[in-house]
């Protein structure tokens, strides 16, 4: 299971390089949005599947903070679309850009706590193996 988590974690990092960098170079900032959407969906799926492991491993406050950031960011994102019909579009655009920056910050934060979780699980597995081998002989 640890190997799958490492593949997931480093796959997300590789995805940023492989998907976002060429999109930005080839088509500017508009080309980044589909790449962000793909990586965002991947990361949300990963965080949904790993939330229980975070909570069980003592990272409950960190994953709760991540979910709070995500929900706040989604509210800002949808509010920016709702605001277009009532105010100046530049205000909505500012909120939209703010939500993109928030989404990027949440993605970086999730990747950081996910790599910490992987390190914690690796260390726990090593210590379990050490104590079993010491008491088993």
Protein backbone atom coordinates (compact mmCIF):
# COMPACT_ATOMS: atom_id res chain seq x y z
CA UNK A 1 0.00 0.00 0.00
CA UNK A 2 2.91 2.33 0.71
CA UNK A 3 4.18 1.85 -2.84
CA UNK A 4 0.80 2.90 -4.26
CA UNK A 5 0.83 6.02 -2.08
CA UNK A 6 4.33 6.90 -3.29
CA UNK A 7 3.23 6.43 -6.91
CA UNK A 8 0.20 8.64 -6.25
CA UNK A 9 2.21 11.34 -4.47
CA UNK A 10 5.05 11.56 -6.96
CA UNK A 11 2.65 11.09 -9.86
CA UNK A 12 0.92 14.30 -8.78
CA UNK A 13 4.26 16.10 -8.72
CA UNK A 14 5.20 14.70 -12.11
CA UNK A 15 1.75 15.64 -13.42
CA UNK A 16 2.39 19.26 -12.53
CA UNK A 17 5.55 19.24 -14.59
CA UNK A 18 4.23 17.18 -17.51
CA UNK A 19 0.75 18.71 -17.82
CA UNK A 20 0.98 22.29 -16.63
CA UNK A 21 4.36 23.42 -17.94
CA UNK A 22 3.73 22.59 -21.63
CA UNK A 23 0.19 23.96 -21.41
CA UNK A 24 1.46 27.25 -20.06
CA UNK A 25 4.29 27.51 -22.61
CA UNK A 26 2.10 26.60 -25.60
CA UNK A 27 -1.08 28.49 -24.87
CA UNK A 28 -0.51 30.87 -21.99
CA UNK A 29 -2.62 31.09 -18.87
CA UNK A 30 -5.80 29.80 -20.56
CA UNK A 31 -4.03 26.53 -21.40
CA UNK A 32 -3.27 25.91 -17.74
CA UNK A 33 -6.93 25.63 -16.68
CA UNK A 34 -7.59 22.16 -18.21
CA UNK A 35 -4.38 20.87 -16.66
CA UNK A 36 -5.34 22.32 -13.28
CA UNK A 37 -8.76 20.69 -13.59
CA UNK A 38 -7.26 17.25 -14.30
CA UNK A 39 -4.75 17.51 -11.46
CA UNK A 40 -7.36 18.94 -9.10
CA UNK A 41 -9.71 16.01 -9.74
CA UNK A 42 -6.83 13.57 -9.22
CA UNK A 43 -5.87 15.24 -5.96
CA UNK A 44 -9.45 15.40 -4.68
CA UNK A 45 -9.88 11.70 -5.37
CA UNK A 46 -6.59 10.99 -3.62
CA UNK A 47 -7.56 13.06 -0.60
CA UNK A 48 -10.99 11.40 -0.37
CA UNK A 49 -9.40 7.95 -0.43
CA UNK A 50 -6.68 8.88 2.07
CA UNK A 51 -8.63 11.00 4.59
CA UNK A 52 -9.20 8.00 6.86
CA UNK A 53 -5.47 7.21 6.87
CA UNK A 54 -4.67 10.82 7.70
CA UNK A 55 -7.08 10.79 10.62
CA UNK A 56 -5.85 7.43 11.92
CA UNK A 57 -2.19 8.42 11.70
CA UNK A 58 -2.45 11.58 13.78
CA UNK A 59 -2.81 13.98 10.85
CA UNK A 60 -6.49 14.71 11.50
CA UNK A 61 -6.01 18.45 12.07
CA UNK A 62 -3.95 18.79 8.90
CA UNK A 63 -6.45 17.00 6.66
CA UNK A 64 -9.29 18.93 8.29
CA UNK A 65 -7.46 22.17 7.45
CA UNK A 66 -7.04 20.96 3.87
CA UNK A 67 -10.78 20.23 3.54
CA UNK A 68 -11.60 23.63 5.07
CA UNK A 69 -9.35 25.35 2.52
CA UNK A 70 -10.91 23.35 -0.33
CA UNK A 71 -14.48 24.12 0.68
CA UNK A 72 -13.72 27.81 1.19
CA UNK A 73 -12.01 27.92 -2.18
CA UNK A 74 -14.98 26.25 -3.89
CA UNK A 75 -17.36 28.76 -2.31
CA UNK A 76 -15.21 31.65 -3.60
CA UNK A 77 -15.03 30.00 -7.04
CA UNK A 78 -18.80 29.58 -7.40
CA UNK A 79 -19.49 32.96 -5.83
CA UNK A 80 -17.33 34.60 -8.51
CA UNK A 81 -19.57 33.11 -11.24
CA UNK A 82 -22.71 34.18 -9.42
CA UNK A 83 -21.32 37.68 -8.93
CA UNK A 84 -20.80 38.28 -12.68
CA UNK A 85 -24.49 38.94 -13.25
CA UNK A 86 -24.78 41.45 -10.40
CA UNK A 87 -21.61 43.53 -10.44
CA UNK A 88 -18.71 44.62 -12.55
CA UNK A 89 -17.00 41.59 -14.16
CA UNK A 90 -13.63 42.78 -12.90
CA UNK A 91 -14.72 42.09 -9.30
CA UNK A 92 -15.74 38.57 -10.28
CA UNK A 93 -12.45 38.13 -12.12
CA UNK A 94 -10.53 39.11 -8.99
CA UNK A 95 -12.44 36.50 -7.00
CA UNK A 96 -11.87 33.92 -9.73
CA UNK A 97 -8.11 34.53 -9.72
CA UNK A 98 -8.17 34.40 -5.91
CA UNK A 99 -9.85 31.01 -6.07
CA UNK A 100 -7.20 29.76 -8.52
CA UNK A 101 -4.42 30.91 -6.22
CA UNK A 102 -6.25 29.27 -3.30
CA UNK A 103 -6.61 26.03 -5.25
CA UNK A 104 -2.89 26.03 -6.03
CA UNK A 105 -2.07 26.72 -2.36
CA UNK A 106 -4.38 23.87 -1.28
CA UNK A 107 -2.72 21.54 -3.79
CA UNK A 108 0.75 22.38 -2.51
CA UNK A 109 -0.41 21.97 1.09
CA UNK A 110 -2.00 18.58 0.34
CA UNK A 111 1.12 17.37 -1.42
CA UNK A 112 3.21 18.45 1.57
CA UNK A 113 1.02 16.68 4.17
CA UNK A 114 0.69 13.64 1.92
CA UNK A 115 4.47 13.30 1.67
CA UNK A 116 4.64 13.66 5.49
CA UNK A 117 2.04 10.88 5.84
CA UNK A 118 4.06 8.61 3.55
CA UNK A 119 7.19 9.28 5.62
CA UNK A 120 5.27 8.57 8.83
CA UNK A 121 3.86 5.29 7.51
CA UNK A 122 7.30 4.23 6.27
CA UNK A 123 8.85 4.97 9.67
CA UNK A 124 6.02 3.19 11.50
CA UNK A 125 6.43 0.11 9.30
CA UNK A 126 10.19 0.10 9.91
CA UNK A 127 9.72 0.37 13.67
CA UNK A 128 7.07 -2.38 13.64
CA UNK A 129 9.48 -4.65 11.76
CA UNK A 130 12.28 -3.83 14.19
CA UNK A 131 10.21 -4.58 17.28
CA UNK A 132 8.81 -7.80 15.79
CA UNK A 133 12.26 -9.08 14.85
CA UNK A 134 13.71 -8.16 18.25
CA UNK A 135 10.95 -9.81 20.28
CA UNK A 136 10.35 -12.67 17.89
CA UNK A 137 13.85 -14.18 18.26
